[in-house]
Amino acid sequence: MDFLLRRLMRGAVERGLAGDYLAWFGVAGAAWVFLRLRRRADPLVLRLPVSKGEQYLVTVRDPGPAAHQAT
């Protein structure tokens, strides 16, 4: 999906600079916004290399509503 958005953005900017309609700059701007919104996911918390034979236990817990209100 990111590839298509980048390609659409690049093509729209090229068409806008070539003298086509100014609406192409709007299309490029919208593609840029969608691309940024898609990348606004939660950041990576931990990255560990896993060697052959190693095991990791991953536990996911809901911090509860108190943790969300503290920020």
C-alpha atoms as a PDB file:
ATOM      1  CA  MET A   1       0.000   0.000   0.000  1.00  0.00           C
ATOM      2  CA  ASP A   2       2.833   2.399   0.862  1.00  0.00           C
ATOM      3  CA  PHE A   3       4.404   1.735  -2.538  1.00  0.00           C
ATOM      4  CA  LEU A   4       1.182   2.707  -4.324  1.00  0.00           C
ATOM      5  CA  LEU A   5       0.769   5.876  -2.272  1.00  0.00           C
ATOM      6  CA  ARG A   6       4.380   6.936  -2.931  1.00  0.00           C
ATOM      7  CA  ARG A   7       3.979   6.219  -6.634  1.00  0.00           C
ATOM      8  CA  LEU A   8       0.719   8.185  -6.780  1.00  0.00           C
ATOM      9  CA  MET A   9       2.340  11.078  -4.927  1.00  0.00           C
ATOM     10  CA  ARG A  10       5.376  11.144  -7.232  1.00  0.00           C
ATOM     11  CA  GLY A  11       3.255  10.943 -10.377  1.00  0.00           C
ATOM     12  CA  ALA A  12       0.895  13.664  -9.179  1.00  0.00           C
ATOM     13  CA  VAL A  13       3.778  16.017  -8.377  1.00  0.00           C
ATOM     14  CA  GLU A  14       5.321  15.373 -11.799  1.00  0.00           C
ATOM     15  CA  ARG A  15       2.033  16.128 -13.534  1.00  0.00           C
ATOM     16  CA  GLY A  16       1.542  19.253 -11.449  1.00  0.00           C
ATOM     17  CA  LEU A  17       5.030  20.508 -12.299  1.00  0.00           C
ATOM     18  CA  ALA A  18       4.514  19.664 -15.973  1.00  0.00           C
ATOM     19  CA  GLY A  19       1.754  22.251 -16.121  1.00  0.00           C
ATOM     20  CA  ASP A  20      -1.303  20.049 -15.859  1.00  0.00           C
ATOM     21  CA  TYR A  21      -4.129  21.038 -13.558  1.00  0.00           C
ATOM     22  CA  LEU A  22      -3.288  22.297 -10.066  1.00  0.00           C
ATOM     23  CA  ALA A  23      -5.563  19.596  -8.691  1.00  0.00           C
ATOM     24  CA  TRP A  24      -2.645  17.171  -9.098  1.00  0.00           C
ATOM     25  CA  PHE A  25      -0.886  18.967  -6.241  1.00  0.00           C
ATOM     26  CA  GLY A  26      -3.983  18.289  -4.128  1.00  0.00           C
ATOM     27  CA  VAL A  27      -3.839  14.618  -5.068  1.00  0.00           C
ATOM     28  CA  ALA A  28      -0.143  14.541  -4.091  1.00  0.00           C
ATOM     29  CA  GLY A  29      -0.940  16.236  -0.779  1.00  0.00           C
ATOM     30  CA  ALA A  30      -3.729  13.788   0.000  1.00  0.00           C
ATOM     31  CA  ALA A  31      -1.457  10.832  -0.799  1.00  0.00           C
ATOM     32  CA  TRP A  32       1.206  12.298   1.506  1.00  0.00           C
ATOM     33  CA  VAL A  33      -1.323  12.687   4.336  1.00  0.00           C
ATOM     34  CA  PHE A  34      -2.568   9.098   3.931  1.00  0.00           C
ATOM     35  CA  LEU A  35       1.008   7.838   3.875  1.00  0.00           C
ATOM     36  CA  ARG A  36       1.801   9.645   7.128  1.00  0.00           C
ATOM     37  CA  LEU A  37      -1.408   8.461   8.799  1.00  0.00           C
ATOM     38  CA  ARG A  38      -0.590   4.865   7.924  1.00  0.00           C
ATOM     39  CA  ARG A  39       2.830   5.151   9.563  1.00  0.00           C
ATOM     40  CA  ARG A  40       1.462   6.566  12.811  1.00  0.00           C
ATOM     41  CA  ALA A  41       1.220   3.111  14.385  1.00  0.00           C
ATOM     42  CA  ASP A  42       2.499   2.339  17.864  1.00  0.00           C
ATOM     43  CA  PRO A  43       6.290   2.486  17.980  1.00  0.00           C
ATOM     44  CA  LEU A  44       8.399  -0.607  18.368  1.00  0.00           C
ATOM     45  CA  VAL A  45       8.876  -1.339  22.059  1.00  0.00           C
ATOM     46  CA  LEU A  46      11.533  -4.053  22.023  1.00  0.00           C
ATOM     47  CA  ARG A  47      13.584  -5.867  19.423  1.00  0.00           C
ATOM     48  CA  LEU A  48      15.514  -8.983  20.406  1.00  0.00           C
ATOM     49  CA  PRO A  49      17.557 -11.291  18.194  1.00  0.00           C
ATOM     50  CA  VAL A  50      16.461 -14.917  18.518  1.00  0.00           C
ATOM     51  CA  SER A  51      19.063 -17.620  18.172  1.00  0.00           C
ATOM     52  CA  LYS A  52      18.376 -21.259  17.463  1.00  0.00           C
ATOM     53  CA  GLY A  53      17.104 -22.979  20.603  1.00  0.00           C
ATOM     54  CA  GLU A  54      16.208 -19.778  22.508  1.00  0.00           C
ATOM     55  CA  GLN A  55      12.734 -19.126  23.788  1.00  0.00           C
ATOM     56  CA  TYR A  56      11.000 -15.875  24.738  1.00  0.00           C
ATOM     57  CA  LEU A  57       7.739 -15.536  26.597  1.00  0.00           C
ATOM     58  CA  VAL A  58       5.639 -12.607  25.385  1.00  0.00           C
ATOM     59  CA  THR A  59       2.798 -11.432  27.597  1.00  0.00           C
ATOM     60  CA  VAL A  60       0.334  -8.737  26.525  1.00  0.00           C
ATOM     61  CA  ARG A  61      -1.675  -7.010  29.243  1.00  0.00           C
ATOM     62  CA  ASP A  62      -4.228  -4.236  29.130  1.00  0.00           C
ATOM     63  CA  PRO A  63      -2.951  -1.437  31.400  1.00  0.00           C
ATOM     64  CA  GLY A  64      -6.497  -0.435  32.220  1.00  0.00           C
ATOM     65  CA  PRO A  65      -8.232   2.941  31.996  1.00  0.00           C
ATOM     66  CA  ALA A  66      -6.095   4.541  34.747  1.00  0.00           C
ATOM     67  CA  ALA A  67      -2.951   4.332  32.591  1.00  0.00           C
ATOM     68  CA  HIS A  68      -4.690   6.051  29.664  1.00  0.00           C
ATOM     69  CA  GLN A  69      -5.912   8.951  31.806  1.00  0.00           C
ATOM     70  CA  ALA A  70      -2.467   9.619  33.321  1.00  0.00           C
ATOM     71  CA  THR A  71      -1.089  11.100  30.066  1.00  0.00           C
END
